[in-house]
Amino acid sequence: MIYLGDHVRTRVSVCGHDDFVIKLPNSEGVVQLEPGATTTIGWKTEDCQALDAS
């Protein structure tokens, strides 16, 4: 985990890949992750953008 003031970035393992980085708000009421913990991740459709494969 990397503390960056108003948020924390952490690297997680997703589908066997351990280079997935998530950004969590550093505020009250936000679940704090612990090393080795299992969690559910997701995002809003409007926050996604498809990229051309070429």
PDB file of N, CA and C in Angstrom:
ATOM      1  N   MET A   1       0.830  -1.175   0.000  1.00  0.00           N
ATOM      2  CA  MET A   1       0.000   0.000   0.000  1.00  0.00           C
ATOM      3  C   MET A   1       0.879   1.245   0.000  1.00  0.00           C
ATOM      4  N   ILE A   2       0.426   2.251  -0.730  1.00  0.00           N
ATOM      5  CA  ILE A   2       1.146   3.514  -0.788  1.00  0.00           C
ATOM      6  C   ILE A   2       0.199   4.613  -0.316  1.00  0.00           C
ATOM      7  N   TYR A   3       0.552   5.275   0.775  1.00  0.00           N
ATOM      8  CA  TYR A   3      -0.236   6.379   1.318  1.00  0.00           C
ATOM      9  C   TYR A   3       0.031   7.624   0.490  1.00  0.00           C
ATOM     10  N   LEU A   4      -1.035   8.245  -0.035  1.00  0.00           N
ATOM     11  CA  LEU A   4      -0.889   9.442  -0.862  1.00  0.00           C
ATOM     12  C   LEU A   4      -1.811  10.564  -0.382  1.00  0.00           C
ATOM     13  N   GLY A   5      -1.898  10.733   0.934  1.00  0.00           N
ATOM     14  CA  GLY A   5      -2.709  11.810   1.494  1.00  0.00           C
ATOM     15  C   GLY A   5      -4.187  11.488   1.489  1.00  0.00           C
ATOM     16  N   ASP A   6      -4.925  11.974   0.483  1.00  0.00           N
ATOM     17  CA  ASP A   6      -6.374  11.772   0.455  1.00  0.00           C
ATOM     18  C   ASP A   6      -6.778  10.408  -0.087  1.00  0.00           C
ATOM     19  N   HIS A   7      -5.804   9.617  -0.553  1.00  0.00           N
ATOM     20  CA  HIS A   7      -6.126   8.264  -1.022  1.00  0.00           C
ATOM     21  C   HIS A   7      -4.934   7.326  -0.806  1.00  0.00           C
ATOM     22  N   VAL A   8      -5.224   6.043  -0.948  1.00  0.00           N
ATOM     23  CA  VAL A   8      -4.219   4.990  -0.811  1.00  0.00           C
ATOM     24  C   VAL A   8      -4.249   4.180  -2.096  1.00  0.00           C
ATOM     25  N   ARG A   9      -3.085   3.850  -2.628  1.00  0.00           N
ATOM     26  CA  ARG A   9      -3.003   2.944  -3.781  1.00  0.00           C
ATOM     27  C   ARG A   9      -2.434   1.632  -3.301  1.00  0.00           C
ATOM     28  N   THR A  10      -3.011   0.561  -3.793  1.00  0.00           N
ATOM     29  CA  THR A  10      -2.536  -0.756  -3.416  1.00  0.00           C
ATOM     30  C   THR A  10      -2.563  -1.697  -4.616  1.00  0.00           C
ATOM     31  N   ARG A  11      -1.634  -2.592  -4.653  1.00  0.00           N
ATOM     32  CA  ARG A  11      -1.549  -3.574  -5.736  1.00  0.00           C
ATOM     33  C   ARG A  11      -2.260  -4.832  -5.273  1.00  0.00           C
ATOM     34  N   VAL A  12      -3.126  -5.369  -6.110  1.00  0.00           N
ATOM     35  CA  VAL A  12      -3.895  -6.570  -5.774  1.00  0.00           C
ATOM     36  C   VAL A  12      -3.754  -7.606  -6.881  1.00  0.00           C
ATOM     37  N   SER A  13      -4.042  -8.838  -6.529  1.00  0.00           N
ATOM     38  CA  SER A  13      -4.014  -9.933  -7.489  1.00  0.00           C
ATOM     39  C   SER A  13      -5.423 -10.133  -8.030  1.00  0.00           C
ATOM     40  N   VAL A  14      -5.566 -10.042  -9.357  1.00  0.00           N
ATOM     41  CA  VAL A  14      -6.860 -10.211 -10.021  1.00  0.00           C
ATOM     42  C   VAL A  14      -6.697 -11.241 -11.129  1.00  0.00           C
ATOM     43  N   CYS A  15      -7.444 -12.329 -11.037  1.00  0.00           N
ATOM     44  CA  CYS A  15      -7.407 -13.394 -12.059  1.00  0.00           C
ATOM     45  C   CYS A  15      -5.979 -13.874 -12.321  1.00  0.00           C
ATOM     46  N   GLY A  16      -5.187 -14.005 -11.267  1.00  0.00           N
ATOM     47  CA  GLY A  16      -3.832 -14.513 -11.400  1.00  0.00           C
ATOM     48  C   GLY A  16      -2.784 -13.486 -11.793  1.00  0.00           C
ATOM     49  N   HIS A  17      -3.175 -12.247 -11.984  1.00  0.00           N
ATOM     50  CA  HIS A  17      -2.235 -11.177 -12.323  1.00  0.00           C
ATOM     51  C   HIS A  17      -2.057 -10.288 -11.096  1.00  0.00           C
ATOM     52  N   ASP A  18      -0.815 -10.092 -10.659  1.00  0.00           N
ATOM     53  CA  ASP A  18      -0.589  -9.323  -9.435  1.00  0.00           C
ATOM     54  C   ASP A  18      -0.163  -7.885  -9.688  1.00  0.00           C
ATOM     55  N   ASP A  19      -0.459  -7.363 -10.877  1.00  0.00           N
ATOM     56  CA  ASP A  19      -0.073  -5.990 -11.205  1.00  0.00           C
ATOM     57  C   ASP A  19      -1.278  -5.054 -11.337  1.00  0.00           C
ATOM     58  N   PHE A  20      -2.395  -5.406 -10.737  1.00  0.00           N
ATOM     59  CA  PHE A  20      -3.611  -4.605 -10.782  1.00  0.00           C
ATOM     60  C   PHE A  20      -3.557  -3.609  -9.628  1.00  0.00           C
ATOM     61  N   VAL A  21      -3.662  -2.307  -9.915  1.00  0.00           N
ATOM     62  CA  VAL A  21      -3.568  -1.268  -8.888  1.00  0.00           C
ATOM     63  C   VAL A  21      -4.936  -0.635  -8.683  1.00  0.00           C
ATOM     64  N   ILE A  22      -5.337  -0.506  -7.430  1.00  0.00           N
ATOM     65  CA  ILE A  22      -6.602   0.157  -7.113  1.00  0.00           C
ATOM     66  C   ILE A  22      -6.318   1.378  -6.241  1.00  0.00           C
ATOM     67  N   LYS A  23      -7.213   2.348  -6.336  1.00  0.00           N
ATOM     68  CA  LYS A  23      -7.108   3.603  -5.586  1.00  0.00           C
ATOM     69  C   LYS A  23      -8.309   3.671  -4.646  1.00  0.00           C
ATOM     70  N   LEU A  24      -8.044   3.823  -3.363  1.00  0.00           N
ATOM     71  CA  LEU A  24      -9.095   3.894  -2.351  1.00  0.00           C
ATOM     72  C   LEU A  24      -9.057   5.239  -1.649  1.00  0.00           C
ATOM     73  N   PRO A  25     -10.217   5.852  -1.420  1.00  0.00           N
ATOM     74  CA  PRO A  25     -10.222   7.103  -0.655  1.00  0.00           C
ATOM     75  C   PRO A  25      -9.693   6.851   0.755  1.00  0.00           C
ATOM     76  N   ASN A  26      -8.946   7.774   1.291  1.00  0.00           N
ATOM     77  CA  ASN A  26      -8.427   7.686   2.648  1.00  0.00           C
ATOM     78  C   ASN A  26      -9.346   8.512   3.540  1.00  0.00           C
ATOM     79  N   SER A  27     -10.506   7.943   3.854  1.00  0.00           N
ATOM     80  CA  SER A  27     -11.486   8.672   4.649  1.00  0.00           C
ATOM     81  C   SER A  27     -12.282   7.715   5.526  1.00  0.00           C
ATOM     82  N   GLU A  28     -12.998   8.275   6.481  1.00  0.00           N
ATOM     83  CA  GLU A  28     -13.817   7.472   7.380  1.00  0.00           C
ATOM     84  C   GLU A  28     -14.891   6.735   6.593  1.00  0.00           C
ATOM     85  N   GLY A  29     -15.196   5.525   7.027  1.00  0.00           N
ATOM     86  CA  GLY A  29     -16.251   4.749   6.403  1.00  0.00           C
ATOM     87  C   GLY A  29     -15.798   3.919   5.215  1.00  0.00           C
ATOM     88  N   VAL A  30     -14.558   4.091   4.774  1.00  0.00           N
ATOM     89  CA  VAL A  30     -14.020   3.309   3.660  1.00  0.00           C
ATOM     90  C   VAL A  30     -13.289   2.102   4.236  1.00  0.00           C
ATOM     91  N   VAL A  31     -13.590   0.928   3.719  1.00  0.00           N
ATOM     92  CA  VAL A  31     -12.955  -0.291   4.197  1.00  0.00           C
ATOM     93  C   VAL A  31     -11.455  -0.227   3.933  1.00  0.00           C
ATOM     94  N   GLN A  32     -10.669  -0.498   4.958  1.00  0.00           N
ATOM     95  CA  GLN A  32      -9.217  -0.536   4.823  1.00  0.00           C
ATOM     96  C   GLN A  32      -8.797  -1.976   4.559  1.00  0.00           C
ATOM     97  N   LEU A  33      -8.040  -2.189   3.494  1.00  0.00           N
ATOM     98  CA  LEU A  33      -7.603  -3.533   3.134  1.00  0.00           C
ATOM     99  C   LEU A  33      -6.404  -3.948   3.976  1.00  0.00           C
ATOM    100  N   GLU A  34      -6.324  -5.239   4.256  1.00  0.00           N
ATOM    101  CA  GLU A  34      -5.193  -5.819   4.963  1.00  0.00           C
ATOM    102  C   GLU A  34      -4.487  -6.778   4.022  1.00  0.00           C
ATOM    103  N   PRO A  35      -3.165  -6.890   4.104  1.00  0.00           N
ATOM    104  CA  PRO A  35      -2.444  -7.839   3.249  1.00  0.00           C
ATOM    105  C   PRO A  35      -3.016  -9.249   3.381  1.00  0.00           C
ATOM    106  N   GLY A  36      -3.254  -9.890   2.252  1.00  0.00           N
ATOM    107  CA  GLY A  36      -3.794 -11.249   2.219  1.00  0.00           C
ATOM    108  C   GLY A  36      -5.301 -11.333   2.275  1.00  0.00           C
ATOM    109  N   ALA A  37      -5.979 -10.207   2.485  1.00  0.00           N
ATOM    110  CA  ALA A  37      -7.441 -10.205   2.580  1.00  0.00           C
ATOM    111  C   ALA A  37      -8.060 -10.394   1.200  1.00  0.00           C
ATOM    112  N   THR A  38      -9.257 -10.958   1.170  1.00  0.00           N
ATOM    113  CA  THR A  38     -10.029 -11.103  -0.060  1.00  0.00           C
ATOM    114  C   THR A  38     -11.083 -10.006  -0.088  1.00  0.00           C
ATOM    115  N   THR A  39     -11.262  -9.388  -1.252  1.00  0.00           N
ATOM    116  CA  THR A  39     -12.247  -8.321  -1.375  1.00  0.00           C
ATOM    117  C   THR A  39     -12.911  -8.380  -2.748  1.00  0.00           C
ATOM    118  N   THR A  40     -13.978  -7.668  -2.915  1.00  0.00           N
ATOM    119  CA  THR A  40     -14.671  -7.558  -4.192  1.00  0.00           C
ATOM    120  C   THR A  40     -14.318  -6.214  -4.804  1.00  0.00           C
ATOM    121  N   ILE A  41     -14.014  -6.203  -6.098  1.00  0.00           N
ATOM    122  CA  ILE A  41     -13.721  -4.953  -6.785  1.00  0.00           C
ATOM    123  C   ILE A  41     -14.728  -4.743  -7.906  1.00  0.00           C
ATOM    124  N   GLY A  42     -14.886  -3.511  -8.322  1.00  0.00           N
ATOM    125  CA  GLY A  42     -15.801  -3.188  -9.418  1.00  0.00           C
ATOM    126  C   GLY A  42     -15.658  -1.726  -9.777  1.00  0.00           C
ATOM    127  N   TRP A  43     -16.328  -1.320 -10.852  1.00  0.00           N
ATOM    128  CA  TRP A  43     -16.284   0.069 -11.293  1.00  0.00           C
ATOM    129  C   TRP A  43     -17.539   0.371 -12.082  1.00  0.00           C
ATOM    130  N   LYS A  44     -17.810   1.639 -12.245  1.00  0.00           N
ATOM    131  CA  LYS A  44     -18.991   2.088 -12.974  1.00  0.00           C
ATOM    132  C   LYS A  44     -18.739   2.019 -14.476  1.00  0.00           C
ATOM    133  N   THR A  45     -19.747   1.636 -15.229  1.00  0.00           N
ATOM    134  CA  THR A  45     -19.643   1.549 -16.679  1.00  0.00           C
ATOM    135  C   THR A  45     -19.222   2.886 -17.277  1.00  0.00           C
ATOM    136  N   GLU A  46     -19.734   3.988 -16.759  1.00  0.00           N
ATOM    137  CA  GLU A  46     -19.405   5.302 -17.317  1.00  0.00           C
ATOM    138  C   GLU A  46     -17.952   5.718 -17.045  1.00  0.00           C
ATOM    139  N   ASP A  47     -17.266   4.987 -16.162  1.00  0.00           N
ATOM    140  CA  ASP A  47     -15.863   5.280 -15.895  1.00  0.00           C
ATOM    141  C   ASP A  47     -14.923   4.473 -16.795  1.00  0.00           C
ATOM    142  N   CYS A  48     -15.472   3.699 -17.716  1.00  0.00           N
ATOM    143  CA  CYS A  48     -14.665   2.834 -18.586  1.00  0.00           C
ATOM    144  C   CYS A  48     -14.552   3.418 -19.992  1.00  0.00           C
ATOM    145  N   GLN A  49     -13.459   3.072 -20.654  1.00  0.00           N
ATOM    146  CA  GLN A  49     -13.263   3.477 -22.038  1.00  0.00           C
ATOM    147  C   GLN A  49     -12.577   2.332 -22.769  1.00  0.00           C
ATOM    148  N   ALA A  50     -13.194   1.868 -23.862  1.00  0.00           N
ATOM    149  CA  ALA A  50     -12.604   0.797 -24.664  1.00  0.00           C
ATOM    150  C   ALA A  50     -11.493   1.385 -25.530  1.00  0.00           C
ATOM    151  N   LEU A  51     -10.375   0.662 -25.618  1.00  0.00           N
ATOM    152  CA  LEU A  51      -9.237   1.097 -26.418  1.00  0.00           C
ATOM    153  C   LEU A  51      -9.091   0.205 -27.639  1.00  0.00           C
ATOM    154  N   ASP A  52      -8.624   0.774 -28.729  1.00  0.00           N
ATOM    155  CA  ASP A  52      -8.370   0.016 -29.948  1.00  0.00           C
ATOM    156  C   ASP A  52      -7.233  -0.954 -29.682  1.00  0.00           C
ATOM    157  N   ALA A  53      -7.402  -2.223 -30.066  1.00  0.00           N
ATOM    158  CA  ALA A  53      -6.401  -3.254 -29.800  1.00  0.00           C
ATOM    159  C   ALA A  53      -5.109  -3.044 -30.583  1.00  0.00           C
ATOM    160  N   SER A  54      -5.133  -2.259 -31.629  1.00  0.00           N
ATOM    161  CA  SER A  54      -3.915  -2.097 -32.445  1.00  0.00           C
ATOM    162  C   SER A  54      -3.029  -1.027 -31.980  1.00  0.00           C
TER     163      SER A  54
END
